[in-house]
């Protein structure tokens, strides 16, 4: 078993070889959004392998992700599987969430100026 750590939360869990990133994330109480129940059709579960290793990309990942994405460590959490080694997985921030956080930050700054 290897340790899988999720960023930005910093939560981690032990993952057995062959366990999907989404499954391991659930064990660590980390949410990776998805709509397709692990069928690699919604592409919402994109994650980034920051350190360590995962098993080789599945046929579905090779079909759905560009070679550039794969070269940058982007994987589909529903398809990417753990190995025996430790790894660090970054879950990209939801775009809507980041827009809302930026707006709230601007609002706070404006209130502080007054």
N, C-alpha and C. Protein backbone atom coordinates (compact mmCIF):
# COMPACT_ATOMS: atom_id res chain seq x y z
N UNK A 1 0.84 -1.20 0.00
CA UNK A 1 0.00 0.00 0.00
C UNK A 1 0.87 1.24 0.00
N UNK A 2 0.45 2.21 -0.79
CA UNK A 2 1.13 3.49 -0.81
C UNK A 2 0.23 4.56 -0.21
N UNK A 3 0.82 5.65 0.15
CA UNK A 3 0.06 6.77 0.71
C UNK A 3 -0.29 7.72 -0.42
N UNK A 4 -1.57 8.12 -0.49
CA UNK A 4 -2.02 9.08 -1.49
C UNK A 4 -2.43 10.35 -0.75
N UNK A 5 -1.78 11.45 -1.09
CA UNK A 5 -2.06 12.74 -0.46
C UNK A 5 -2.76 13.64 -1.47
N UNK A 6 -3.79 14.34 -1.00
CA UNK A 6 -4.59 15.19 -1.88
C UNK A 6 -4.36 16.66 -1.55
N UNK A 7 -4.09 17.44 -2.58
CA UNK A 7 -3.93 18.89 -2.43
C UNK A 7 -5.14 19.56 -3.07
N UNK A 8 -5.62 20.68 -2.61
CA UNK A 8 -5.01 21.53 -1.61
C UNK A 8 -5.36 21.17 -0.16
N UNK A 9 -6.19 20.17 0.08
CA UNK A 9 -6.64 19.88 1.45
C UNK A 9 -5.52 19.34 2.34
N UNK A 10 -4.56 18.62 1.75
CA UNK A 10 -3.49 18.02 2.53
C UNK A 10 -3.90 16.70 3.19
N UNK A 11 -5.12 16.25 2.95
CA UNK A 11 -5.58 14.98 3.52
C UNK A 11 -4.91 13.83 2.78
N UNK A 12 -4.68 12.73 3.50
CA UNK A 12 -4.07 11.57 2.86
C UNK A 12 -4.69 10.29 3.39
N UNK A 13 -4.46 9.23 2.63
CA UNK A 13 -4.98 7.92 2.98
C UNK A 13 -4.08 6.86 2.37
N UNK A 14 -4.17 5.65 2.89
CA UNK A 14 -3.46 4.53 2.28
C UNK A 14 -4.29 4.03 1.10
N UNK A 15 -3.64 3.78 -0.01
CA UNK A 15 -4.32 3.29 -1.20
C UNK A 15 -3.69 1.98 -1.64
N UNK A 16 -4.51 0.99 -1.86
CA UNK A 16 -3.98 -0.30 -2.33
C UNK A 16 -3.73 -0.22 -3.83
N UNK A 17 -2.79 -0.98 -4.31
CA UNK A 17 -2.46 -1.01 -5.73
C UNK A 17 -3.71 -1.38 -6.53
N UNK A 18 -4.00 -0.59 -7.55
CA UNK A 18 -5.17 -0.84 -8.39
C UNK A 18 -6.41 -0.07 -7.96
N UNK A 19 -6.36 0.59 -6.80
CA UNK A 19 -7.50 1.38 -6.34
C UNK A 19 -7.54 2.69 -7.11
N UNK A 20 -8.73 3.11 -7.54
CA UNK A 20 -8.83 4.36 -8.30
C UNK A 20 -8.59 5.56 -7.40
N UNK A 21 -8.17 6.65 -8.00
CA UNK A 21 -7.93 7.89 -7.27
C UNK A 21 -9.23 8.37 -6.63
N UNK A 22 -10.35 8.28 -7.35
CA UNK A 22 -11.65 8.70 -6.81
C UNK A 22 -12.01 7.88 -5.58
N UNK A 23 -11.78 6.59 -5.63
CA UNK A 23 -12.08 5.72 -4.50
C UNK A 23 -11.21 6.06 -3.29
N UNK A 24 -9.92 6.25 -3.53
CA UNK A 24 -9.01 6.61 -2.44
C UNK A 24 -9.39 7.97 -1.86
N UNK A 25 -9.77 8.91 -2.72
CA UNK A 25 -10.19 10.23 -2.25
C UNK A 25 -11.39 10.12 -1.33
N UNK A 26 -12.33 9.26 -1.70
CA UNK A 26 -13.51 9.05 -0.85
C UNK A 26 -13.12 8.54 0.52
N UNK A 27 -12.13 7.66 0.58
CA UNK A 27 -11.64 7.14 1.87
C UNK A 27 -11.04 8.25 2.72
N UNK A 28 -10.46 9.27 2.07
CA UNK A 28 -9.86 10.39 2.79
C UNK A 28 -10.86 11.53 3.00
N UNK A 29 -12.11 11.29 2.61
CA UNK A 29 -13.16 12.31 2.70
C UNK A 29 -12.83 13.55 1.89
N UNK A 30 -12.30 13.29 0.69
CA UNK A 30 -11.99 14.35 -0.27
C UNK A 30 -12.91 14.12 -1.47
N UNK A 31 -13.58 15.18 -1.90
CA UNK A 31 -14.52 15.06 -3.00
C UNK A 31 -13.84 15.39 -4.33
N UNK A 32 -13.95 14.46 -5.26
CA UNK A 32 -13.54 14.71 -6.64
C UNK A 32 -14.83 14.67 -7.45
N UNK A 33 -15.25 15.81 -8.02
CA UNK A 33 -16.53 15.84 -8.70
C UNK A 33 -16.56 14.92 -9.91
N UNK A 34 -17.71 14.30 -10.13
CA UNK A 34 -17.93 13.47 -11.31
C UNK A 34 -19.42 13.29 -11.52
N UNK A 35 -19.82 13.09 -12.76
CA UNK A 35 -21.23 12.89 -13.09
C UNK A 35 -21.48 11.53 -13.75
N UNK A 36 -20.45 10.91 -14.23
CA UNK A 36 -20.63 9.73 -15.09
C UNK A 36 -20.42 8.40 -14.36
N UNK A 37 -20.30 8.44 -13.05
CA UNK A 37 -20.10 7.21 -12.25
C UNK A 37 -18.87 6.43 -12.69
N UNK A 38 -17.81 7.12 -13.04
CA UNK A 38 -16.56 6.45 -13.35
C UNK A 38 -16.44 5.90 -14.75
N UNK A 39 -17.25 6.42 -15.70
CA UNK A 39 -17.21 5.93 -17.08
C UNK A 39 -16.31 6.76 -17.99
N UNK A 40 -15.63 7.75 -17.44
CA UNK A 40 -14.71 8.63 -18.19
C UNK A 40 -15.41 9.41 -19.29
N UNK A 41 -16.69 9.71 -19.11
CA UNK A 41 -17.39 10.46 -20.14
C UNK A 41 -17.60 11.92 -19.79
N UNK A 42 -17.63 12.26 -18.50
CA UNK A 42 -17.90 13.66 -18.14
C UNK A 42 -16.62 14.49 -18.04
N UNK A 43 -15.49 13.87 -17.81
CA UNK A 43 -14.18 14.51 -17.68
C UNK A 43 -14.10 15.51 -16.52
N UNK A 44 -15.04 15.43 -15.58
CA UNK A 44 -15.03 16.33 -14.43
C UNK A 44 -13.99 15.95 -13.39
N UNK A 45 -13.53 14.71 -13.42
CA UNK A 45 -12.65 14.21 -12.36
C UNK A 45 -11.17 14.36 -12.70
N UNK A 46 -10.85 15.33 -13.54
CA UNK A 46 -9.44 15.56 -13.88
C UNK A 46 -8.66 15.92 -12.62
N UNK A 47 -7.53 15.30 -12.46
CA UNK A 47 -6.63 15.58 -11.35
C UNK A 47 -5.22 15.70 -11.92
N UNK A 48 -4.31 16.19 -11.10
CA UNK A 48 -2.92 16.34 -11.55
C UNK A 48 -2.02 15.55 -10.61
N UNK A 49 -1.23 14.66 -11.19
CA UNK A 49 -0.24 13.91 -10.42
C UNK A 49 0.95 14.84 -10.19
N UNK A 50 1.11 15.29 -8.94
CA UNK A 50 2.18 16.23 -8.60
C UNK A 50 3.50 15.51 -8.30
N UNK A 51 3.42 14.39 -7.57
CA UNK A 51 4.61 13.61 -7.20
C UNK A 51 4.24 12.14 -7.18
N UNK A 52 5.24 11.31 -7.29
CA UNK A 52 5.02 9.87 -7.21
C UNK A 52 4.57 9.30 -8.54
N UNK A 53 3.83 8.20 -8.45
CA UNK A 53 3.40 7.56 -9.69
C UNK A 53 2.03 6.93 -9.54
N UNK A 54 1.38 6.79 -10.67
CA UNK A 54 0.13 6.04 -10.78
C UNK A 54 0.36 4.99 -11.86
N UNK A 55 -0.55 4.03 -11.96
CA UNK A 55 -0.43 3.03 -13.02
C UNK A 55 -0.53 3.73 -14.37
N UNK A 56 -0.09 3.06 -15.41
CA UNK A 56 -0.14 3.62 -16.76
C UNK A 56 -1.57 4.02 -17.11
N UNK A 57 -1.73 5.06 -17.95
CA UNK A 57 -3.08 5.48 -18.34
C UNK A 57 -3.88 4.35 -18.99
N UNK A 58 -5.17 4.32 -18.69
CA UNK A 58 -6.05 3.31 -19.28
C UNK A 58 -6.35 3.70 -20.73
N UNK A 59 -6.93 2.77 -21.48
CA UNK A 59 -7.31 3.04 -22.87
C UNK A 59 -8.27 4.22 -22.94
N UNK A 60 -9.19 4.31 -21.97
CA UNK A 60 -10.13 5.43 -21.95
C UNK A 60 -9.40 6.75 -21.73
N UNK A 61 -8.44 6.77 -20.82
CA UNK A 61 -7.68 8.00 -20.60
C UNK A 61 -6.91 8.40 -21.85
N UNK A 62 -6.31 7.43 -22.51
CA UNK A 62 -5.54 7.72 -23.72
C UNK A 62 -6.45 8.29 -24.81
N UNK A 63 -7.71 7.86 -24.82
CA UNK A 63 -8.65 8.35 -25.82
C UNK A 63 -9.18 9.74 -25.45
N UNK A 64 -9.39 9.99 -24.16
CA UNK A 64 -10.04 11.23 -23.71
C UNK A 64 -9.08 12.39 -23.44
N UNK A 65 -7.84 12.09 -23.07
CA UNK A 65 -6.87 13.13 -22.73
C UNK A 65 -5.83 13.27 -23.83
N UNK A 66 -5.41 14.50 -24.06
CA UNK A 66 -4.40 14.74 -25.09
C UNK A 66 -3.03 14.30 -24.58
N UNK A 67 -2.10 14.04 -25.48
CA UNK A 67 -0.74 13.70 -25.06
C UNK A 67 -0.12 14.81 -24.20
N UNK A 68 -0.47 16.08 -24.49
CA UNK A 68 0.04 17.20 -23.69
C UNK A 68 -0.50 17.13 -22.27
N UNK A 69 -1.79 16.83 -22.12
CA UNK A 69 -2.38 16.69 -20.79
C UNK A 69 -1.66 15.60 -20.01
N UNK A 70 -1.49 14.46 -20.62
CA UNK A 70 -0.83 13.34 -19.96
C UNK A 70 0.61 13.69 -19.59
N UNK A 71 1.30 14.42 -20.47
CA UNK A 71 2.69 14.83 -20.19
C UNK A 71 2.76 15.78 -19.00
N UNK A 72 1.68 16.54 -18.76
CA UNK A 72 1.63 17.47 -17.62
C UNK A 72 1.14 16.80 -16.35
N UNK A 73 0.89 15.49 -16.41
CA UNK A 73 0.45 14.77 -15.22
C UNK A 73 -1.05 14.78 -15.02
N UNK A 74 -1.81 15.29 -15.99
CA UNK A 74 -3.26 15.31 -15.86
C UNK A 74 -3.80 13.91 -16.11
N UNK A 75 -4.64 13.47 -15.20
CA UNK A 75 -5.24 12.13 -15.29
C UNK A 75 -6.72 12.23 -14.95
N UNK A 76 -7.47 11.20 -15.27
CA UNK A 76 -8.87 11.11 -14.86
C UNK A 76 -8.93 10.32 -13.57
N UNK A 77 -9.44 10.94 -12.52
CA UNK A 77 -9.48 10.30 -11.21
C UNK A 77 -10.27 9.01 -11.18
N UNK A 78 -11.26 8.88 -12.06
CA UNK A 78 -12.06 7.66 -12.08
C UNK A 78 -11.31 6.50 -12.74
N UNK A 79 -10.29 6.82 -13.53
CA UNK A 79 -9.56 5.79 -14.27
C UNK A 79 -8.16 5.55 -13.72
N UNK A 80 -7.51 6.59 -13.22
CA UNK A 80 -6.14 6.48 -12.73
C UNK A 80 -6.10 5.59 -11.49
N UNK A 81 -5.16 4.69 -11.45
CA UNK A 81 -5.07 3.71 -10.36
C UNK A 81 -3.75 3.86 -9.60
N UNK A 82 -3.84 3.61 -8.31
CA UNK A 82 -2.67 3.69 -7.43
C UNK A 82 -1.70 2.54 -7.69
N UNK A 83 -0.44 2.77 -7.35
CA UNK A 83 0.57 1.71 -7.34
C UNK A 83 0.92 1.48 -5.87
N UNK A 84 1.99 0.75 -5.62
CA UNK A 84 2.45 0.52 -4.25
C UNK A 84 3.19 1.74 -3.68
N UNK A 85 3.50 2.72 -4.54
CA UNK A 85 4.29 3.87 -4.11
C UNK A 85 3.41 5.05 -3.71
N UNK A 86 3.99 5.93 -2.89
CA UNK A 86 3.29 7.14 -2.46
C UNK A 86 3.12 8.09 -3.64
N UNK A 87 2.07 8.91 -3.57
CA UNK A 87 1.87 9.93 -4.59
C UNK A 87 1.11 11.12 -4.02
N UNK A 88 1.23 12.23 -4.72
CA UNK A 88 0.53 13.46 -4.34
C UNK A 88 -0.34 13.86 -5.52
N UNK A 89 -1.62 14.03 -5.26
CA UNK A 89 -2.61 14.35 -6.29
C UNK A 89 -3.19 15.73 -6.01
N UNK A 90 -3.16 16.59 -7.00
CA UNK A 90 -3.79 17.91 -6.87
C UNK A 90 -5.16 17.87 -7.54
N UNK A 91 -6.16 18.33 -6.80
CA UNK A 91 -7.50 18.43 -7.35
C UNK A 91 -7.70 19.89 -7.75
N UNK A 92 -7.81 20.15 -9.05
CA UNK A 92 -7.96 21.54 -9.50
C UNK A 92 -9.22 22.16 -8.90
N UNK A 93 -9.11 23.45 -8.61
CA UNK A 93 -10.23 24.16 -8.03
C UNK A 93 -11.34 24.31 -9.06
N UNK A 94 -12.56 24.19 -8.60
CA UNK A 94 -13.73 24.41 -9.42
C UNK A 94 -13.70 25.86 -9.92
N UNK A 95 -13.91 26.07 -11.22
CA UNK A 95 -13.82 27.43 -11.78
C UNK A 95 -14.83 28.37 -11.14
N UNK A 96 -16.05 27.91 -10.95
CA UNK A 96 -17.08 28.76 -10.35
C UNK A 96 -16.67 29.15 -8.93
N UNK A 97 -16.15 28.19 -8.19
CA UNK A 97 -15.71 28.47 -6.82
C UNK A 97 -14.61 29.52 -6.81
N UNK A 98 -13.65 29.43 -7.73
CA UNK A 98 -12.56 30.40 -7.74
C UNK A 98 -13.05 31.79 -8.15
N UNK A 99 -14.03 31.88 -9.04
CA UNK A 99 -14.60 33.18 -9.43
C UNK A 99 -15.31 33.81 -8.24
N UNK A 100 -16.08 33.01 -7.50
CA UNK A 100 -16.79 33.51 -6.33
C UNK A 100 -15.82 33.97 -5.25
N UNK A 101 -14.77 33.18 -5.02
CA UNK A 101 -13.77 33.56 -4.01
C UNK A 101 -13.08 34.87 -4.38
N UNK A 102 -12.77 35.07 -5.66
CA UNK A 102 -12.13 36.31 -6.10
C UNK A 102 -13.07 37.50 -5.90
N UNK A 103 -14.35 37.32 -6.20
CA UNK A 103 -15.33 38.39 -6.01
C UNK A 103 -15.47 38.74 -4.53
N UNK A 104 -15.51 37.74 -3.68
CA UNK A 104 -15.60 37.98 -2.24
C UNK A 104 -14.36 38.71 -1.73
N UNK A 105 -13.20 38.34 -2.23
CA UNK A 105 -11.96 39.00 -1.83
C UNK A 105 -11.98 40.47 -2.23
N UNK A 106 -12.44 40.77 -3.46
CA UNK A 106 -12.54 42.16 -3.90
C UNK A 106 -13.51 42.94 -3.02
N UNK A 107 -14.63 42.31 -2.68
CA UNK A 107 -15.62 42.96 -1.82
C UNK A 107 -15.02 43.29 -0.45
N UNK A 108 -14.28 42.34 0.13
CA UNK A 108 -13.63 42.58 1.42
C UNK A 108 -12.64 43.74 1.35
N UNK A 109 -11.87 43.78 0.27
CA UNK A 109 -10.88 44.85 0.10
C UNK A 109 -11.56 46.20 -0.02
N UNK A 110 -12.68 46.25 -0.76
CA UNK A 110 -13.42 47.51 -0.91
C UNK A 110 -14.00 47.96 0.44
N UNK A 111 -14.48 47.03 1.22
CA UNK A 111 -15.04 47.37 2.54
C UNK A 111 -13.96 47.88 3.47
N UNK A 112 -12.76 47.33 3.37
CA UNK A 112 -11.66 47.78 4.22
C UNK A 112 -11.17 49.17 3.85
N UNK A 113 -11.34 49.55 2.57
CA UNK A 113 -10.91 50.87 2.12
C UNK A 113 -11.84 51.95 2.64
N UNK A 114 -13.10 51.62 2.86
CA UNK A 114 -14.10 52.62 3.30
C UNK A 114 -13.98 52.97 4.72
